[in-house]
């Protein structure tokens, strides 16, 4: 189940995805919590039922209960933040950027895990959701905390692969109907 099931479910034309999925999990330089939190938030952000069904329980098995909850909270808040901040960023009227957001994001304030892990997860979700403003903001916090570019890139590598796996498997399920 889990990662192995996803890899075997990928069609032959997606061999690169199979190898990349294996690589981003097995050869990651991230800590166990960073890795599996990133995998979980990306599985959630991918909106792929198959990916979340397979990777969610595996992430839960690798994370403490606090980290599992913190990752889910991060995915939830970033889903909202990414839409809001991406929209403000894309609008040509700069006055929207000066208005008070009025949205709660308290879950990110005291997540119960390392702050840098939450920032890394936020970068990953923002990559999946395509929010440049959030990517910049969270990357800057990570870099100011001393996190190197390779670590930040690892988060969006995972995001890219998990998203691609979800897109491919969901498309194949529809085409098979």
N, C-alpha and C. Protein backbone atom coordinates (compact mmCIF):
# COMPACT_ATOMS: atom_id res chain seq x y z
N UNK A 1 0.84 -1.19 0.00
CA UNK A 1 0.00 0.00 0.00
C UNK A 1 0.88 1.24 0.00
N UNK A 2 0.26 2.39 -0.11
CA UNK A 2 0.96 3.64 -0.02
C UNK A 2 1.83 3.94 -1.22
N UNK A 3 3.06 4.25 -0.95
CA UNK A 3 4.00 4.65 -1.98
C UNK A 3 4.18 3.55 -3.03
N UNK A 4 4.34 2.33 -2.58
CA UNK A 4 4.52 1.21 -3.51
C UNK A 4 3.30 1.06 -4.42
N UNK A 5 2.12 1.21 -3.86
CA UNK A 5 0.88 1.11 -4.65
C UNK A 5 0.81 2.20 -5.71
N UNK A 6 1.16 3.41 -5.33
CA UNK A 6 1.15 4.52 -6.30
C UNK A 6 2.13 4.26 -7.43
N UNK A 7 3.34 3.84 -7.07
CA UNK A 7 4.34 3.58 -8.10
C UNK A 7 3.88 2.50 -9.07
N UNK A 8 3.29 1.44 -8.56
CA UNK A 8 2.85 0.35 -9.44
C UNK A 8 1.61 0.74 -10.25
N UNK A 9 0.85 1.70 -9.77
CA UNK A 9 -0.35 2.14 -10.50
C UNK A 9 -0.03 3.06 -11.68
N UNK A 10 1.15 3.65 -11.66
CA UNK A 10 1.50 4.57 -12.75
C UNK A 10 1.69 3.79 -14.05
N UNK A 11 1.12 4.30 -15.15
CA UNK A 11 1.26 3.61 -16.44
C UNK A 11 2.70 3.65 -16.94
N UNK A 12 3.00 2.77 -17.88
CA UNK A 12 4.36 2.68 -18.42
C UNK A 12 4.86 3.99 -19.01
N UNK A 13 3.96 4.78 -19.59
CA UNK A 13 4.42 6.03 -20.18
C UNK A 13 4.86 7.04 -19.13
N UNK A 14 4.58 6.77 -17.86
CA UNK A 14 4.95 7.67 -16.76
C UNK A 14 6.09 7.10 -15.92
N UNK A 15 7.00 6.39 -16.56
CA UNK A 15 8.14 5.80 -15.86
C UNK A 15 8.95 6.86 -15.12
N UNK A 16 9.09 8.03 -15.73
CA UNK A 16 9.84 9.10 -15.06
C UNK A 16 9.19 9.49 -13.74
N UNK A 17 7.86 9.54 -13.73
CA UNK A 17 7.17 9.88 -12.49
C UNK A 17 7.40 8.81 -11.42
N UNK A 18 7.36 7.55 -11.85
CA UNK A 18 7.60 6.45 -10.90
C UNK A 18 8.98 6.59 -10.27
N UNK A 19 9.98 6.82 -11.10
CA UNK A 19 11.35 6.96 -10.59
C UNK A 19 11.50 8.23 -9.74
N UNK A 20 10.86 9.31 -10.16
CA UNK A 20 10.95 10.55 -9.40
C UNK A 20 10.24 10.43 -8.05
N UNK A 21 9.12 9.74 -8.01
CA UNK A 21 8.41 9.54 -6.75
C UNK A 21 9.29 8.76 -5.78
N UNK A 22 9.89 7.73 -6.28
CA UNK A 22 10.81 6.95 -5.46
C UNK A 22 11.98 7.80 -4.98
N UNK A 23 12.53 8.58 -5.87
CA UNK A 23 13.70 9.41 -5.57
C UNK A 23 13.41 10.49 -4.52
N UNK A 24 12.29 11.20 -4.68
CA UNK A 24 12.02 12.30 -3.74
C UNK A 24 11.71 11.79 -2.34
N UNK A 25 11.29 10.55 -2.23
CA UNK A 25 11.03 9.99 -0.90
C UNK A 25 12.25 9.26 -0.36
N UNK A 26 12.84 8.39 -1.16
CA UNK A 26 13.95 7.56 -0.67
C UNK A 26 15.27 8.30 -0.57
N UNK A 27 15.50 9.28 -1.41
CA UNK A 27 16.79 9.97 -1.44
C UNK A 27 16.71 11.39 -0.91
N UNK A 28 15.69 11.71 -0.16
CA UNK A 28 15.50 13.06 0.33
C UNK A 28 16.50 13.39 1.43
N UNK A 29 16.97 14.62 1.42
CA UNK A 29 17.85 15.09 2.48
C UNK A 29 17.07 15.71 3.63
N UNK A 30 15.76 15.70 3.54
CA UNK A 30 14.92 16.27 4.58
C UNK A 30 14.86 15.35 5.79
N UNK A 31 14.54 15.91 6.95
CA UNK A 31 14.30 15.07 8.12
C UNK A 31 13.03 14.26 7.86
N UNK A 32 12.84 13.25 8.64
CA UNK A 32 11.64 12.40 8.49
C UNK A 32 10.36 13.24 8.61
N UNK A 33 10.32 14.14 9.59
CA UNK A 33 9.14 14.99 9.79
C UNK A 33 8.96 15.95 8.61
N UNK A 34 10.04 16.56 8.16
CA UNK A 34 9.93 17.47 7.01
C UNK A 34 9.44 16.71 5.78
N UNK A 35 10.03 15.56 5.53
CA UNK A 35 9.68 14.77 4.35
C UNK A 35 8.22 14.35 4.36
N UNK A 36 7.79 13.68 5.42
CA UNK A 36 6.44 13.13 5.42
C UNK A 36 5.38 14.21 5.62
N UNK A 37 5.73 15.30 6.30
CA UNK A 37 4.81 16.43 6.35
C UNK A 37 4.64 17.05 4.97
N UNK A 38 5.74 17.16 4.23
CA UNK A 38 5.68 17.70 2.87
C UNK A 38 4.87 16.77 1.96
N UNK A 39 5.11 15.48 2.07
CA UNK A 39 4.35 14.52 1.27
C UNK A 39 2.86 14.65 1.58
N UNK A 40 2.51 14.75 2.86
CA UNK A 40 1.10 14.85 3.25
C UNK A 40 0.46 16.13 2.74
N UNK A 41 1.11 17.28 2.96
CA UNK A 41 0.48 18.53 2.51
C UNK A 41 0.34 18.56 1.00
N UNK A 42 1.30 17.97 0.29
CA UNK A 42 1.20 17.93 -1.18
C UNK A 42 0.11 16.98 -1.65
N UNK A 43 -0.05 15.87 -0.94
CA UNK A 43 -1.13 14.93 -1.28
C UNK A 43 -2.48 15.61 -1.09
N UNK A 44 -2.61 16.38 -0.02
CA UNK A 44 -3.85 17.12 0.23
C UNK A 44 -4.05 18.17 -0.84
N UNK A 45 -3.01 18.96 -1.11
CA UNK A 45 -3.11 20.04 -2.09
C UNK A 45 -3.34 19.53 -3.51
N UNK A 46 -2.91 18.32 -3.80
CA UNK A 46 -3.10 17.76 -5.15
C UNK A 46 -4.57 17.53 -5.48
N UNK A 47 -5.39 17.43 -4.45
CA UNK A 47 -6.82 17.17 -4.61
C UNK A 47 -7.11 15.82 -5.29
N UNK A 48 -6.13 14.95 -5.30
CA UNK A 48 -6.30 13.63 -5.89
C UNK A 48 -6.71 12.63 -4.82
N UNK A 49 -7.93 12.11 -4.90
CA UNK A 49 -8.36 11.13 -3.90
C UNK A 49 -7.42 9.92 -3.82
N UNK A 50 -6.96 9.46 -4.97
CA UNK A 50 -6.09 8.28 -4.99
C UNK A 50 -4.77 8.55 -4.27
N UNK A 51 -4.16 9.69 -4.57
CA UNK A 51 -2.88 10.04 -3.95
C UNK A 51 -3.06 10.22 -2.44
N UNK A 52 -4.08 10.90 -2.03
CA UNK A 52 -4.30 11.11 -0.60
C UNK A 52 -4.63 9.80 0.10
N UNK A 53 -5.42 8.96 -0.52
CA UNK A 53 -5.77 7.66 0.06
C UNK A 53 -4.52 6.80 0.28
N UNK A 54 -3.57 6.86 -0.65
CA UNK A 54 -2.36 6.05 -0.54
C UNK A 54 -1.30 6.67 0.37
N UNK A 55 -1.08 7.97 0.23
CA UNK A 55 0.01 8.61 0.96
C UNK A 55 -0.39 9.11 2.35
N UNK A 56 -1.66 9.41 2.56
CA UNK A 56 -2.11 9.90 3.86
C UNK A 56 -1.80 8.95 5.01
N UNK A 57 -2.21 7.69 4.92
CA UNK A 57 -1.91 6.75 6.02
C UNK A 57 -0.41 6.50 6.19
N UNK A 58 0.33 6.50 5.09
CA UNK A 58 1.77 6.29 5.20
C UNK A 58 2.43 7.49 5.91
N UNK A 59 1.98 8.69 5.57
CA UNK A 59 2.49 9.88 6.25
C UNK A 59 2.15 9.83 7.74
N UNK A 60 0.94 9.42 8.03
CA UNK A 60 0.51 9.34 9.44
C UNK A 60 1.39 8.38 10.23
N UNK A 61 1.79 7.28 9.58
CA UNK A 61 2.65 6.29 10.24
C UNK A 61 4.06 6.83 10.50
N UNK A 62 4.50 7.79 9.71
CA UNK A 62 5.86 8.34 9.85
C UNK A 62 5.91 9.61 10.69
N UNK A 63 4.77 10.18 11.01
CA UNK A 63 4.72 11.45 11.74
C UNK A 63 4.17 11.25 13.15
N UNK A 64 4.61 12.11 14.05
CA UNK A 64 4.00 12.13 15.38
C UNK A 64 2.57 12.65 15.22
N UNK A 65 1.70 12.38 16.19
CA UNK A 65 0.34 12.94 16.09
C UNK A 65 0.34 14.46 15.96
N UNK A 66 1.25 15.14 16.66
CA UNK A 66 1.33 16.61 16.56
C UNK A 66 1.73 17.04 15.16
N UNK A 67 2.72 16.38 14.58
CA UNK A 67 3.19 16.75 13.25
C UNK A 67 2.12 16.44 12.20
N UNK A 68 1.42 15.33 12.36
CA UNK A 68 0.35 14.96 11.43
C UNK A 68 -0.75 16.03 11.44
N UNK A 69 -1.13 16.47 12.63
CA UNK A 69 -2.14 17.52 12.75
C UNK A 69 -1.62 18.84 12.21
N UNK A 70 -0.37 19.17 12.53
CA UNK A 70 0.21 20.43 12.06
C UNK A 70 0.29 20.48 10.54
N UNK A 71 0.63 19.37 9.92
CA UNK A 71 0.69 19.33 8.46
C UNK A 71 -0.70 19.53 7.85
N UNK A 72 -1.69 18.87 8.42
CA UNK A 72 -3.06 19.03 7.92
C UNK A 72 -3.54 20.46 8.12
N UNK A 73 -3.21 21.06 9.26
CA UNK A 73 -3.58 22.46 9.51
C UNK A 73 -2.89 23.38 8.51
N UNK A 74 -1.63 23.11 8.24
CA UNK A 74 -0.89 23.91 7.26
C UNK A 74 -1.54 23.81 5.89
N UNK A 75 -1.89 22.62 5.47
CA UNK A 75 -2.54 22.44 4.16
C UNK A 75 -3.86 23.20 4.10
N UNK A 76 -4.62 23.16 5.18
CA UNK A 76 -5.92 23.84 5.21
C UNK A 76 -5.77 25.35 5.12
N UNK A 77 -4.91 25.90 5.96
CA UNK A 77 -4.73 27.36 5.98
C UNK A 77 -4.10 27.84 4.67
N UNK A 78 -3.14 27.09 4.16
CA UNK A 78 -2.49 27.52 2.92
C UNK A 78 -3.42 27.41 1.72
N UNK A 79 -4.38 26.51 1.75
CA UNK A 79 -5.37 26.45 0.66
C UNK A 79 -6.12 27.78 0.59
N UNK A 80 -6.46 28.31 1.73
CA UNK A 80 -7.13 29.62 1.79
C UNK A 80 -6.17 30.74 1.42
N UNK A 81 -5.01 30.76 2.08
CA UNK A 81 -4.05 31.83 1.85
C UNK A 81 -3.59 31.90 0.40
N UNK A 82 -3.37 30.75 -0.21
CA UNK A 82 -2.90 30.75 -1.59
C UNK A 82 -3.91 31.38 -2.54
N UNK A 83 -5.17 31.08 -2.37
CA UNK A 83 -6.19 31.69 -3.22
C UNK A 83 -6.25 33.19 -2.96
N UNK A 84 -6.27 33.57 -1.71
CA UNK A 84 -6.40 34.99 -1.36
C UNK A 84 -5.20 35.80 -1.87
N UNK A 85 -4.00 35.36 -1.51
CA UNK A 85 -2.81 36.13 -1.87
C UNK A 85 -2.48 36.05 -3.35
N UNK A 86 -2.75 34.92 -3.98
CA UNK A 86 -2.55 34.82 -5.43
C UNK A 86 -3.48 35.78 -6.15
N UNK A 87 -4.71 35.88 -5.69
CA UNK A 87 -5.67 36.79 -6.32
C UNK A 87 -5.24 38.24 -6.15
N UNK A 88 -4.86 38.60 -4.94
CA UNK A 88 -4.39 39.99 -4.73
C UNK A 88 -3.17 40.29 -5.59
N UNK A 89 -2.30 39.32 -5.73
CA UNK A 89 -1.08 39.49 -6.52
C UNK A 89 -1.40 39.63 -8.01
N UNK A 90 -2.40 38.90 -8.46
CA UNK A 90 -2.73 38.91 -9.89
C UNK A 90 -3.57 40.11 -10.32
N UNK A 91 -4.29 40.70 -9.39
CA UNK A 91 -5.09 41.87 -9.73
C UNK A 91 -4.18 43.05 -10.07
N UNK A 92 -4.54 43.80 -11.07
CA UNK A 92 -3.69 44.92 -11.47
C UNK A 92 -3.83 46.12 -10.54
N UNK A 93 -4.87 46.15 -9.73
CA UNK A 93 -5.08 47.27 -8.80
C UNK A 93 -4.28 47.03 -7.51
N UNK A 94 -3.20 47.79 -7.27
CA UNK A 94 -2.37 47.56 -6.09
C UNK A 94 -3.06 47.90 -4.77
N UNK A 95 -4.19 48.58 -4.81
CA UNK A 95 -4.91 48.93 -3.58
C UNK A 95 -5.38 47.70 -2.82
N UNK A 96 -5.65 46.59 -3.52
CA UNK A 96 -6.07 45.37 -2.82
C UNK A 96 -4.98 44.88 -1.88
N UNK A 97 -3.73 45.10 -2.24
CA UNK A 97 -2.61 44.70 -1.39
C UNK A 97 -2.50 45.53 -0.12
N UNK A 98 -3.16 46.65 -0.08
CA UNK A 98 -3.10 47.51 1.09
C UNK A 98 -4.30 47.29 2.04
N UNK A 99 -5.28 46.56 1.57
CA UNK A 99 -6.45 46.29 2.40
C UNK A 99 -6.15 45.19 3.42
N UNK A 100 -6.79 45.28 4.56
CA UNK A 100 -6.65 44.26 5.60
C UNK A 100 -7.23 42.94 5.08
N UNK A 101 -6.49 41.86 5.27
CA UNK A 101 -6.96 40.55 4.79
C UNK A 101 -8.19 40.09 5.57
N UNK A 102 -8.17 40.20 6.87
CA UNK A 102 -9.32 39.80 7.68
C UNK A 102 -9.55 38.30 7.70
N UNK A 103 -8.52 37.52 7.45
CA UNK A 103 -8.63 36.06 7.48
C UNK A 103 -7.77 35.51 8.60
N UNK A 104 -8.31 34.56 9.33
CA UNK A 104 -7.57 33.95 10.43
C UNK A 104 -6.62 32.87 9.89
N UNK A 105 -5.42 32.86 10.47
CA UNK A 105 -4.43 31.83 10.14
C UNK A 105 -3.66 31.47 11.41
N UNK A 106 -4.37 31.37 12.52
CA UNK A 106 -3.76 31.11 13.81
C UNK A 106 -3.06 29.75 13.88
N UNK A 107 -3.51 28.80 13.07
CA UNK A 107 -2.91 27.47 13.09
C UNK A 107 -1.43 27.51 12.73
N UNK A 108 -1.03 28.51 11.97
CA UNK A 108 0.38 28.63 11.58
C UNK A 108 1.21 29.35 12.63
N UNK A 109 0.56 30.03 13.56
CA UNK A 109 1.27 30.80 14.58
C UNK A 109 1.93 29.89 15.60
N UNK A 110 1.21 28.90 16.11
CA UNK A 110 1.75 27.97 17.10
C UNK A 110 1.38 26.56 16.68
N UNK A 111 2.12 26.01 15.69
CA UNK A 111 1.73 24.72 15.11
C UNK A 111 2.05 23.49 15.96
N UNK A 112 2.88 23.63 16.99
CA UNK A 112 3.24 22.48 17.82
C UNK A 112 4.42 21.69 17.28
N UNK A 113 5.02 22.15 16.18
CA UNK A 113 6.21 21.53 15.61
C UNK A 113 7.18 22.65 15.23
N UNK A 114 8.34 22.27 14.74
CA UNK A 114 9.34 23.26 14.33
C UNK A 114 8.73 24.23 13.32
N UNK A 115 8.94 25.50 13.57
CA UNK A 115 8.40 26.55 12.69
C UNK A 115 8.93 26.41 11.27
N UNK A 116 10.21 26.03 11.14
CA UNK A 116 10.77 25.89 9.80
C UNK A 116 10.10 24.75 9.03
N UNK A 117 9.66 23.72 9.73
CA UNK A 117 8.96 22.63 9.05
C UNK A 117 7.64 23.13 8.46
N UNK A 118 6.92 23.93 9.22
CA UNK A 118 5.66 24.49 8.74
C UNK A 118 5.91 25.42 7.55
N UNK A 119 6.97 26.19 7.62
CA UNK A 119 7.32 27.08 6.50
C UNK A 119 7.65 26.26 5.25
N UNK A 120 8.37 25.16 5.43
CA UNK A 120 8.71 24.29 4.31
C UNK A 120 7.45 23.68 3.71
N UNK A 121 6.53 23.23 4.57
CA UNK A 121 5.27 22.68 4.08
C UNK A 121 4.46 23.76 3.35
N UNK A 122 4.54 24.98 3.85
CA UNK A 122 3.81 26.10 3.22
C UNK A 122 4.37 26.38 1.83
N UNK A 123 5.68 26.28 1.67
CA UNK A 123 6.29 26.45 0.34
C UNK A 123 5.77 25.36 -0.60
N UNK A 124 5.72 24.13 -0.12
CA UNK A 124 5.28 23.02 -0.96
C UNK A 124 3.83 23.20 -1.42
N UNK A 125 2.94 23.54 -0.49
CA UNK A 125 1.54 23.75 -0.85
C UNK A 125 1.42 24.93 -1.81
N UNK A 126 2.17 25.98 -1.57
CA UNK A 126 2.12 27.16 -2.43
C UNK A 126 2.62 26.84 -3.83
N UNK A 127 3.57 25.92 -3.94
CA UNK A 127 4.04 25.48 -5.26
C UNK A 127 2.92 24.75 -6.00
N UNK A 128 2.24 23.84 -5.31
CA UNK A 128 1.13 23.12 -5.94
C UNK A 128 0.04 24.09 -6.37
N UNK A 129 -0.27 25.06 -5.51
CA UNK A 129 -1.36 25.99 -5.78
C UNK A 129 -0.94 27.19 -6.62
N UNK A 130 0.33 27.31 -6.93
CA UNK A 130 0.81 28.36 -7.82
C UNK A 130 0.68 29.77 -7.28
N UNK A 131 0.95 29.97 -6.00
CA UNK A 131 0.88 31.31 -5.42
C UNK A 131 2.28 31.88 -5.27
N UNK A 132 2.66 32.74 -6.19
CA UNK A 132 3.98 33.35 -6.17
C UNK A 132 4.22 34.20 -4.94
N UNK A 133 3.21 34.93 -4.50
CA UNK A 133 3.36 35.78 -3.32
C UNK A 133 3.66 34.93 -2.09
N UNK A 134 2.96 33.83 -1.92
CA UNK A 134 3.19 32.95 -0.77
C UNK A 134 4.53 32.22 -0.89
N UNK A 135 4.87 31.80 -2.11
CA UNK A 135 6.18 31.17 -2.30
C UNK A 135 7.29 32.11 -1.85
N UNK A 136 7.25 33.34 -2.31
CA UNK A 136 8.27 34.32 -1.93
C UNK A 136 8.29 34.55 -0.42
N UNK A 137 7.14 34.74 0.17
CA UNK A 137 7.07 35.05 1.60
C UNK A 137 7.64 33.91 2.44
N UNK A 138 7.25 32.68 2.16
CA UNK A 138 7.70 31.54 2.97
C UNK A 138 9.15 31.19 2.68
N UNK A 139 9.58 31.34 1.44
CA UNK A 139 10.98 31.09 1.11
C UNK A 139 11.88 32.08 1.83
N UNK A 140 11.47 33.32 1.92
CA UNK A 140 12.26 34.34 2.61
C UNK A 140 12.37 34.04 4.10
N UNK A 141 11.30 33.56 4.71
CA UNK A 141 11.34 33.19 6.13
C UNK A 141 12.31 32.01 6.33
N UNK A 142 12.23 31.04 5.44
CA UNK A 142 13.13 29.88 5.54
C UNK A 142 14.59 30.30 5.39
N UNK A 143 14.87 31.11 4.40
CA UNK A 143 16.25 31.54 4.15
C UNK A 143 16.77 32.37 5.33
N UNK A 144 15.91 33.23 5.90
CA UNK A 144 16.32 34.03 7.06
C UNK A 144 16.59 33.14 8.27
N UNK A 145 15.95 31.99 8.33
CA UNK A 145 16.16 31.04 9.43
C UNK A 145 17.37 30.14 9.18
N UNK A 146 18.06 30.36 8.07
CA UNK A 146 19.26 29.59 7.77
C UNK A 146 19.04 28.32 6.97
N UNK A 147 17.85 28.13 6.45
CA UNK A 147 17.56 26.95 5.63
C UNK A 147 18.15 27.18 4.24
N UNK A 148 18.90 26.20 3.75
CA UNK A 148 19.57 26.38 2.46
C UNK A 148 18.61 26.17 1.28
N UNK A 149 19.01 26.65 0.14
CA UNK A 149 18.19 26.58 -1.07
C UNK A 149 17.89 25.13 -1.48
N UNK A 150 18.85 24.24 -1.26
CA UNK A 150 18.64 22.83 -1.62
C UNK A 150 17.48 22.24 -0.83
N UNK A 151 17.36 22.60 0.44
CA UNK A 151 16.26 22.11 1.27
C UNK A 151 14.93 22.68 0.79
N UNK A 152 14.92 23.97 0.50
CA UNK A 152 13.70 24.60 -0.02
C UNK A 152 13.31 23.95 -1.34
N UNK A 153 14.27 23.75 -2.21
CA UNK A 153 13.98 23.12 -3.51
C UNK A 153 13.46 21.70 -3.34
N UNK A 154 13.95 21.00 -2.33
CA UNK A 154 13.47 19.64 -2.09
C UNK A 154 11.96 19.64 -1.84
N UNK A 155 11.47 20.65 -1.14
CA UNK A 155 10.03 20.74 -0.87
C UNK A 155 9.25 20.91 -2.16
N UNK A 156 9.71 21.78 -3.05
CA UNK A 156 8.93 21.94 -4.27
C UNK A 156 9.21 20.86 -5.30
N UNK A 157 10.29 20.12 -5.15
CA UNK A 157 10.48 18.90 -5.97
C UNK A 157 9.41 17.87 -5.60
N UNK A 158 9.22 17.69 -4.29
CA UNK A 158 8.18 16.76 -3.82
C UNK A 158 6.81 17.23 -4.31
N UNK A 159 6.56 18.52 -4.21
CA UNK A 159 5.29 19.07 -4.66
C UNK A 159 5.05 18.77 -6.14
N UNK A 160 6.06 18.98 -6.95
CA UNK A 160 5.94 18.75 -8.39
C UNK A 160 5.62 17.28 -8.70
N UNK A 161 6.32 16.38 -8.03
CA UNK A 161 6.13 14.96 -8.31
C UNK A 161 4.78 14.47 -7.80
N UNK A 162 4.42 14.82 -6.59
CA UNK A 162 3.13 14.38 -6.04
C UNK A 162 1.98 14.92 -6.88
N UNK A 163 2.06 16.18 -7.28
CA UNK A 163 1.02 16.77 -8.13
C UNK A 163 0.94 16.04 -9.47
N UNK A 164 2.08 15.77 -10.08
CA UNK A 164 2.09 15.08 -11.37
C UNK A 164 1.54 13.66 -11.26
N UNK A 165 1.87 12.97 -10.18
CA UNK A 165 1.34 11.62 -9.97
C UNK A 165 -0.18 11.68 -9.83
N UNK A 166 -0.67 12.62 -9.05
CA UNK A 166 -2.12 12.76 -8.89
C UNK A 166 -2.82 13.07 -10.20
N UNK A 167 -2.28 14.01 -10.94
CA UNK A 167 -2.87 14.38 -12.23
C UNK A 167 -2.91 13.19 -13.17
N UNK A 168 -1.81 12.45 -13.24
CA UNK A 168 -1.71 11.31 -14.14
C UNK A 168 -2.66 10.20 -13.75
N UNK A 169 -2.69 9.84 -12.48
CA UNK A 169 -3.57 8.75 -12.04
C UNK A 169 -5.04 9.12 -12.15
N UNK A 170 -5.37 10.35 -11.84
CA UNK A 170 -6.77 10.78 -11.97
C UNK A 170 -7.20 10.78 -13.44
N UNK A 171 -6.32 11.24 -14.34
CA UNK A 171 -6.64 11.24 -15.76
C UNK A 171 -6.81 9.80 -16.27
N UNK A 172 -5.91 8.93 -15.85
CA UNK A 172 -6.01 7.53 -16.29
C UNK A 172 -7.29 6.87 -15.79
N UNK A 173 -7.72 7.18 -14.59
CA UNK A 173 -8.97 6.62 -14.07
C UNK A 173 -10.15 7.09 -14.90
N UNK A 174 -10.16 8.35 -15.28
CA UNK A 174 -11.25 8.87 -16.10
C UNK A 174 -11.22 8.27 -17.49
N UNK A 175 -10.03 8.17 -18.08
CA UNK A 175 -9.91 7.62 -19.44
C UNK A 175 -10.29 6.14 -19.49
N UNK A 176 -10.15 5.44 -18.37
CA UNK A 176 -10.48 4.01 -18.32
C UNK A 176 -11.98 3.76 -18.21
N UNK A 177 -12.74 4.82 -17.90
CA UNK A 177 -14.20 4.64 -17.72
C UNK A 177 -14.88 4.35 -19.04
